[in-house]
Structures are given as structure tokens and as C-alpha cells.
């Protein structure tokens, strides 16, 4: 399976990229970990290509036990 990538636009920040690709800015840590070469960038210039790791979505704890997956 090919690796997903995201090409930054001027002014992107880690949290905005995470929100654009995952719909959740709190997953920016996963992006930073997948792109250690760029970890010191706060505000991105245009044209930086970032690797977008596959994130497994946790099941919401608001689901009743019989609707949760598991063994």
C-alpha cells in the first residue's frame, strides 16, 4: 500500500495539518513522530511533503459494551 503524503501550504502548522488529514488536531503528535526531519518547524512554508501515517481509530467509550468490538 502506498504511503499517504500531504504537501503543505504556506502557513500550515502541525495541528492544522492533523485536522485536515484526520479531522482531529490532537493527532498532530502522530504526524510529528512520522516526520522527525521537520519536527522543529512551527509554521510551514509551502511545498513540504509530509508522510501521513495510518491511524487506527479507537472505539468511543460512549458505545455500550455489546456494540464494542473485541475478543
PDB file of N, CA and C in Angstrom:
ATOM      1  N   UNK A   1       0.860  -1.181   0.000  1.00  0.00           N
ATOM      2  CA  UNK A   1       0.000   0.000   0.000  1.00  0.00           C
ATOM      3  C   UNK A   1       0.902   1.238   0.000  1.00  0.00           C
ATOM      4  N   UNK A   2       0.639   2.195  -0.897  1.00  0.00           N
ATOM      5  CA  UNK A   2       1.475   3.391  -0.947  1.00  0.00           C
ATOM      6  C   UNK A   2       1.286   4.266   0.289  1.00  0.00           C
ATOM      7  N   UNK A   3       2.370   4.946   0.642  1.00  0.00           N
ATOM      8  CA  UNK A   3       2.331   5.848   1.786  1.00  0.00           C
ATOM      9  C   UNK A   3       1.576   7.115   1.402  1.00  0.00           C
ATOM     10  N   UNK A   4       0.682   7.539   2.273  1.00  0.00           N
ATOM     11  CA  UNK A   4      -0.037   8.787   2.033  1.00  0.00           C
ATOM     12  C   UNK A   4       0.885   9.950   2.351  1.00  0.00           C
ATOM     13  N   UNK A   5       0.728  11.031   1.609  1.00  0.00           N
ATOM     14  CA  UNK A   5       1.512  12.235   1.855  1.00  0.00           C
ATOM     15  C   UNK A   5       0.597  13.449   1.828  1.00  0.00           C
ATOM     16  N   UNK A   6       1.097  14.520   2.388  1.00  0.00           N
ATOM     17  CA  UNK A   6       0.406  15.809   2.379  1.00  0.00           C
ATOM     18  C   UNK A   6       1.453  16.858   2.036  1.00  0.00           C
ATOM     19  N   UNK A   7       1.154  17.729   1.098  1.00  0.00           N
ATOM     20  CA  UNK A   7       2.054  18.817   0.731  1.00  0.00           C
ATOM     21  C   UNK A   7       1.540  20.092   1.390  1.00  0.00           C
ATOM     22  N   UNK A   8       2.396  20.716   2.181  1.00  0.00           N
ATOM     23  CA  UNK A   8       1.984  21.878   2.963  1.00  0.00           C
ATOM     24  C   UNK A   8       1.723  23.092   2.080  1.00  0.00           C
ATOM     25  N   UNK A   9       0.877  23.954   2.606  1.00  0.00           N
ATOM     26  CA  UNK A   9       0.677  25.273   2.020  1.00  0.00           C
ATOM     27  C   UNK A   9       1.228  26.288   3.021  1.00  0.00           C
ATOM     28  N   UNK A  10       1.596  27.437   2.533  1.00  0.00           N
ATOM     29  CA  UNK A  10       2.167  28.480   3.386  1.00  0.00           C
ATOM     30  C   UNK A  10       1.265  28.734   4.587  1.00  0.00           C
ATOM     31  N   UNK A  11       1.844  28.661   5.781  1.00  0.00           N
ATOM     32  CA  UNK A  11       1.090  28.952   6.998  1.00  0.00           C
ATOM     33  C   UNK A  11       0.557  27.728   7.723  1.00  0.00           C
ATOM     34  N   UNK A  12       0.658  26.549   7.103  1.00  0.00           N
ATOM     35  CA  UNK A  12       0.232  25.333   7.800  1.00  0.00           C
ATOM     36  C   UNK A  12       1.027  25.161   9.087  1.00  0.00           C
ATOM     37  N   UNK A  13       0.386  24.595  10.090  1.00  0.00           N
ATOM     38  CA  UNK A  13       1.048  24.211  11.331  1.00  0.00           C
ATOM     39  C   UNK A  13       0.671  22.761  11.589  1.00  0.00           C
ATOM     40  N   UNK A  14       1.370  22.109  12.511  1.00  0.00           N
ATOM     41  CA  UNK A  14       1.118  20.689  12.760  1.00  0.00           C
ATOM     42  C   UNK A  14      -0.348  20.409  13.073  1.00  0.00           C
ATOM     43  N   UNK A  15      -0.948  21.240  13.907  1.00  0.00           N
ATOM     44  CA  UNK A  15      -2.339  20.976  14.290  1.00  0.00           C
ATOM     45  C   UNK A  15      -3.303  21.171  13.125  1.00  0.00           C
ATOM     46  N   UNK A  16      -3.026  22.151  12.251  1.00  0.00           N
ATOM     47  CA  UNK A  16      -3.926  22.347  11.108  1.00  0.00           C
ATOM     48  C   UNK A  16      -3.794  21.210  10.097  1.00  0.00           C
ATOM     49  N   UNK A  17      -2.586  20.705   9.924  1.00  0.00           N
ATOM     50  CA  UNK A  17      -2.398  19.561   9.023  1.00  0.00           C
ATOM     51  C   UNK A  17      -3.122  18.342   9.590  1.00  0.00           C
ATOM     52  N   UNK A  18      -2.971  18.088  10.886  1.00  0.00           N
ATOM     53  CA  UNK A  18      -3.653  16.958  11.521  1.00  0.00           C
ATOM     54  C   UNK A  18      -5.168  17.079  11.362  1.00  0.00           C
ATOM     55  N   UNK A  19      -5.683  18.273  11.508  1.00  0.00           N
ATOM     56  CA  UNK A  19      -7.127  18.473  11.351  1.00  0.00           C
ATOM     57  C   UNK A  19      -7.565  18.214   9.914  1.00  0.00           C
ATOM     58  N   UNK A  20      -6.751  18.666   8.960  1.00  0.00           N
ATOM     59  CA  UNK A  20      -7.103  18.463   7.543  1.00  0.00           C
ATOM     60  C   UNK A  20      -7.080  16.991   7.150  1.00  0.00           C
ATOM     61  N   UNK A  21      -6.083  16.246   7.617  1.00  0.00           N
ATOM     62  CA  UNK A  21      -5.956  14.863   7.159  1.00  0.00           C
ATOM     63  C   UNK A  21      -6.708  13.853   8.027  1.00  0.00           C
ATOM     64  N   UNK A  22      -6.873  14.147   9.309  1.00  0.00           N
ATOM     65  CA  UNK A  22      -7.543  13.209  10.221  1.00  0.00           C
ATOM     66  C   UNK A  22      -8.868  13.724  10.774  1.00  0.00           C
ATOM     67  N   UNK A  23      -9.093  15.030  10.669  1.00  0.00           N
ATOM     68  CA  UNK A  23     -10.292  15.592  11.277  1.00  0.00           C
ATOM     69  C   UNK A  23     -10.148  15.802  12.775  1.00  0.00           C
ATOM     70  N   UNK A  24      -8.894  15.737  13.269  1.00  0.00           N
ATOM     71  CA  UNK A  24      -8.654  15.870  14.707  1.00  0.00           C
ATOM     72  C   UNK A  24      -7.260  16.449  14.926  1.00  0.00           C
ATOM     73  N   UNK A  25      -7.184  17.663  15.434  1.00  0.00           N
ATOM     74  CA  UNK A  25      -5.893  18.322  15.638  1.00  0.00           C
ATOM     75  C   UNK A  25      -5.050  17.663  16.729  1.00  0.00           C
ATOM     76  N   UNK A  26      -5.684  16.874  17.603  1.00  0.00           N
ATOM     77  CA  UNK A  26      -4.943  16.225  18.680  1.00  0.00           C
ATOM     78  C   UNK A  26      -4.040  15.097  18.180  1.00  0.00           C
ATOM     79  N   UNK A  27      -4.191  14.703  16.919  1.00  0.00           N
ATOM     80  CA  UNK A  27      -3.349  13.656  16.354  1.00  0.00           C
ATOM     81  C   UNK A  27      -2.061  14.210  15.743  1.00  0.00           C
ATOM     82  N   UNK A  28      -1.766  15.471  16.013  1.00  0.00           N
ATOM     83  CA  UNK A  28      -0.552  16.075  15.456  1.00  0.00           C
ATOM     84  C   UNK A  28       0.710  15.393  15.964  1.00  0.00           C
ATOM     85  N   UNK A  29       0.683  14.816  17.151  1.00  0.00           N
ATOM     86  CA  UNK A  29       1.853  14.118  17.684  1.00  0.00           C
ATOM     87  C   UNK A  29       2.226  12.940  16.791  1.00  0.00           C
ATOM     88  N   UNK A  30       1.229  12.247  16.263  1.00  0.00           N
ATOM     89  CA  UNK A  30       1.490  11.137  15.352  1.00  0.00           C
ATOM     90  C   UNK A  30       2.153  11.631  14.069  1.00  0.00           C
ATOM     91  N   UNK A  31       1.730  12.788  13.590  1.00  0.00           N
ATOM     92  CA  UNK A  31       2.353  13.381  12.398  1.00  0.00           C
ATOM     93  C   UNK A  31       3.803  13.759  12.670  1.00  0.00           C
ATOM     94  N   UNK A  32       4.050  14.376  13.798  1.00  0.00           N
ATOM     95  CA  UNK A  32       5.407  14.795  14.152  1.00  0.00           C
ATOM     96  C   UNK A  32       6.310  13.565  14.261  1.00  0.00           C
ATOM     97  N   UNK A  33       5.825  12.523  14.910  1.00  0.00           N
ATOM     98  CA  UNK A  33       6.609  11.292  15.057  1.00  0.00           C
ATOM     99  C   UNK A  33       6.928  10.654  13.708  1.00  0.00           C
ATOM    100  N   UNK A  34       6.020  10.776  12.745  1.00  0.00           N
ATOM    101  CA  UNK A  34       6.230  10.197  11.415  1.00  0.00           C
ATOM    102  C   UNK A  34       7.127  11.065  10.533  1.00  0.00           C
ATOM    103  N   UNK A  35       7.386  12.301  10.950  1.00  0.00           N
ATOM    104  CA  UNK A  35       8.176  13.239  10.157  1.00  0.00           C
ATOM    105  C   UNK A  35       9.249  13.906  11.009  1.00  0.00           C
ATOM    106  N   UNK A  36      10.164  13.121  11.594  1.00  0.00           N
ATOM    107  CA  UNK A  36      11.149  13.693  12.526  1.00  0.00           C
ATOM    108  C   UNK A  36      12.054  14.748  11.892  1.00  0.00           C
ATOM    109  N   UNK A  37      12.248  14.668  10.610  1.00  0.00           N
ATOM    110  CA  UNK A  37      13.096  15.643   9.909  1.00  0.00           C
ATOM    111  C   UNK A  37      12.541  17.071  10.012  1.00  0.00           C
ATOM    112  N   UNK A  38      11.222  17.191  10.147  1.00  0.00           N
ATOM    113  CA  UNK A  38      10.561  18.502  10.158  1.00  0.00           C
ATOM    114  C   UNK A  38      10.028  18.887  11.533  1.00  0.00           C
ATOM    115  N   UNK A  39      10.422  18.153  12.575  1.00  0.00           N
ATOM    116  CA  UNK A  39       9.818  18.373  13.896  1.00  0.00           C
ATOM    117  C   UNK A  39      10.057  19.766  14.470  1.00  0.00           C
ATOM    118  N   UNK A  40      11.083  20.464  14.042  1.00  0.00           N
ATOM    119  CA  UNK A  40      11.369  21.805  14.575  1.00  0.00           C
ATOM    120  C   UNK A  40      10.640  22.923  13.843  1.00  0.00           C
ATOM    121  N   UNK A  41       9.888  22.592  12.822  1.00  0.00           N
ATOM    122  CA  UNK A  41       9.126  23.610  12.088  1.00  0.00           C
ATOM    123  C   UNK A  41       7.841  23.901  12.852  1.00  0.00           C
ATOM    124  N   UNK A  42       7.572  25.173  13.044  1.00  0.00           N
ATOM    125  CA  UNK A  42       6.325  25.569  13.712  1.00  0.00           C
ATOM    126  C   UNK A  42       5.297  25.987  12.666  1.00  0.00           C
ATOM    127  N   UNK A  43       5.689  26.885  11.777  1.00  0.00           N
ATOM    128  CA  UNK A  43       4.832  27.337  10.680  1.00  0.00           C
ATOM    129  C   UNK A  43       5.506  26.906   9.379  1.00  0.00           C
ATOM    130  N   UNK A  44       4.826  26.086   8.618  1.00  0.00           N
ATOM    131  CA  UNK A  44       5.406  25.518   7.403  1.00  0.00           C
ATOM    132  C   UNK A  44       5.399  26.495   6.235  1.00  0.00           C
ATOM    133  N   UNK A  45       6.460  26.448   5.421  1.00  0.00           N
ATOM    134  CA  UNK A  45       6.399  27.109   4.119  1.00  0.00           C
ATOM    135  C   UNK A  45       5.618  26.191   3.175  1.00  0.00           C
ATOM    136  N   UNK A  46       5.299  26.671   2.003  1.00  0.00           N
ATOM    137  CA  UNK A  46       4.608  25.850   1.013  1.00  0.00           C
ATOM    138  C   UNK A  46       5.563  24.810   0.445  1.00  0.00           C
ATOM    139  N   UNK A  47       5.019  23.638   0.121  1.00  0.00           N
ATOM    140  CA  UNK A  47       5.767  22.643  -0.620  1.00  0.00           C
ATOM    141  C   UNK A  47       6.502  21.580   0.167  1.00  0.00           C
ATOM    142  N   UNK A  48       6.359  21.538   1.486  1.00  0.00           N
ATOM    143  CA  UNK A  48       6.989  20.483   2.278  1.00  0.00           C
ATOM    144  C   UNK A  48       6.092  19.254   2.198  1.00  0.00           C
ATOM    145  N   UNK A  49       6.677  18.113   1.846  1.00  0.00           N
ATOM    146  CA  UNK A  49       5.885  16.890   1.750  1.00  0.00           C
ATOM    147  C   UNK A  49       6.020  16.094   3.049  1.00  0.00           C
ATOM    148  N   UNK A  50       4.889  15.863   3.692  1.00  0.00           N
ATOM    149  CA  UNK A  50       4.849  15.136   4.958  1.00  0.00           C
ATOM    150  C   UNK A  50       4.264  13.747   4.746  1.00  0.00           C
ATOM    151  N   UNK A  51       4.812  12.771   5.458  1.00  0.00           N
ATOM    152  CA  UNK A  51       4.248  11.422   5.460  1.00  0.00           C
ATOM    153  C   UNK A  51       3.058  11.404   6.408  1.00  0.00           C
ATOM    154  N   UNK A  52       1.984  10.783   5.985  1.00  0.00           N
ATOM    155  CA  UNK A  52       0.766  10.703   6.789  1.00  0.00           C
ATOM    156  C   UNK A  52       0.581   9.250   7.222  1.00  0.00           C
ATOM    157  N   UNK A  53       0.877   8.952   8.493  1.00  0.00           N
ATOM    158  CA  UNK A  53       0.728   7.562   8.947  1.00  0.00           C
ATOM    159  C   UNK A  53      -0.742   7.169   9.081  1.00  0.00           C
ATOM    160  N   UNK A  54      -0.982   5.886   8.902  1.00  0.00           N
ATOM    161  CA  UNK A  54      -2.317   5.336   9.104  1.00  0.00           C
ATOM    162  C   UNK A  54      -2.589   5.319  10.602  1.00  0.00           C
ATOM    163  N   UNK A  55      -3.700   5.872  11.019  1.00  0.00           N
ATOM    164  CA  UNK A  55      -4.068   5.923  12.438  1.00  0.00           C
ATOM    165  C   UNK A  55      -5.296   5.042  12.636  1.00  0.00           C
ATOM    166  N   UNK A  56      -5.189   4.133  13.581  1.00  0.00           N
ATOM    167  CA  UNK A  56      -6.338   3.304  13.902  1.00  0.00           C
ATOM    168  C   UNK A  56      -7.223   4.081  14.868  1.00  0.00           C
ATOM    169  N   UNK A  57      -8.468   4.243  14.499  1.00  0.00           N
ATOM    170  CA  UNK A  57      -9.391   4.998  15.338  1.00  0.00           C
ATOM    171  C   UNK A  57      -9.828   4.155  16.529  1.00  0.00           C
ATOM    172  N   UNK A  58      -9.652   4.686  17.730  1.00  0.00           N
ATOM    173  CA  UNK A  58     -10.129   3.936  18.896  1.00  0.00           C
ATOM    174  C   UNK A  58     -11.651   3.974  18.954  1.00  0.00           C
ATOM    175  N   UNK A  59     -12.224   2.934  19.521  1.00  0.00           N
ATOM    176  CA  UNK A  59     -13.671   2.918  19.678  1.00  0.00           C
ATOM    177  C   UNK A  59     -14.065   3.901  20.761  1.00  0.00           C
ATOM    178  N   UNK A  60     -15.107   4.663  20.525  1.00  0.00           N
ATOM    179  CA  UNK A  60     -15.551   5.594  21.567  1.00  0.00           C
ATOM    180  C   UNK A  60     -16.057   4.835  22.785  1.00  0.00           C
ATOM    181  N   UNK A  61     -15.667   5.302  23.953  1.00  0.00           N
ATOM    182  CA  UNK A  61     -16.098   4.659  25.189  1.00  0.00           C
ATOM    183  C   UNK A  61     -17.575   4.924  25.470  1.00  0.00           C
ATOM    184  N   UNK A  62     -18.204   5.761  24.656  1.00  0.00           N
ATOM    185  CA  UNK A  62     -19.624   6.031  24.847  1.00  0.00           C
ATOM    186  C   UNK A  62     -20.490   4.919  24.269  1.00  0.00           C
ATOM    187  N   UNK A  63     -19.871   4.000  23.480  1.00  0.00           N
ATOM    188  CA  UNK A  63     -20.639   2.880  22.958  1.00  0.00           C
ATOM    189  C   UNK A  63     -20.948   1.901  24.087  1.00  0.00           C
ATOM    190  N   UNK A  64     -22.146   1.334  24.082  1.00  0.00           N
ATOM    191  CA  UNK A  64     -22.445   0.320  25.092  1.00  0.00           C
ATOM    192  C   UNK A  64     -21.571  -0.910  24.845  1.00  0.00           C
ATOM    193  N   UNK A  65     -21.290  -1.699  25.875  1.00  0.00           N
ATOM    194  CA  UNK A  65     -20.382  -2.839  25.760  1.00  0.00           C
ATOM    195  C   UNK A  65     -20.736  -3.806  24.615  1.00  0.00           C
ATOM    196  N   UNK A  66     -22.016  -4.040  24.352  1.00  0.00           N
ATOM    197  CA  UNK A  66     -22.399  -5.008  23.325  1.00  0.00           C
ATOM    198  C   UNK A  66     -22.161  -4.491  21.909  1.00  0.00           C
ATOM    199  N   UNK A  67     -21.890  -3.166  21.759  1.00  0.00           N
ATOM    200  CA  UNK A  67     -21.587  -2.615  20.443  1.00  0.00           C
ATOM    201  C   UNK A  67     -20.093  -2.425  20.226  1.00  0.00           C
ATOM    202  N   UNK A  68     -19.298  -2.627  21.256  1.00  0.00           N
ATOM    203  CA  UNK A  68     -17.854  -2.510  21.125  1.00  0.00           C
ATOM    204  C   UNK A  68     -17.290  -3.788  20.530  1.00  0.00           C
ATOM    205  N   UNK A  69     -16.233  -3.632  19.764  1.00  0.00           N
ATOM    206  CA  UNK A  69     -15.549  -4.811  19.231  1.00  0.00           C
ATOM    207  C   UNK A  69     -14.787  -5.499  20.341  1.00  0.00           C
ATOM    208  N   UNK A  70     -13.968  -6.391  19.989  1.00  0.00           N
ATOM    209  CA  UNK A  70     -13.176  -7.075  21.000  1.00  0.00           C
ATOM    210  C   UNK A  70     -13.168  -8.561  20.760  1.00  0.00           C
ATOM    211  N   UNK A  71     -12.547  -9.239  21.696  1.00  0.00           N
ATOM    212  CA  UNK A  71     -12.403 -10.693  21.523  1.00  0.00           C
ATOM    213  C   UNK A  71     -13.531 -11.462  22.142  1.00  0.00           C
TER     214      UNK A  71
END
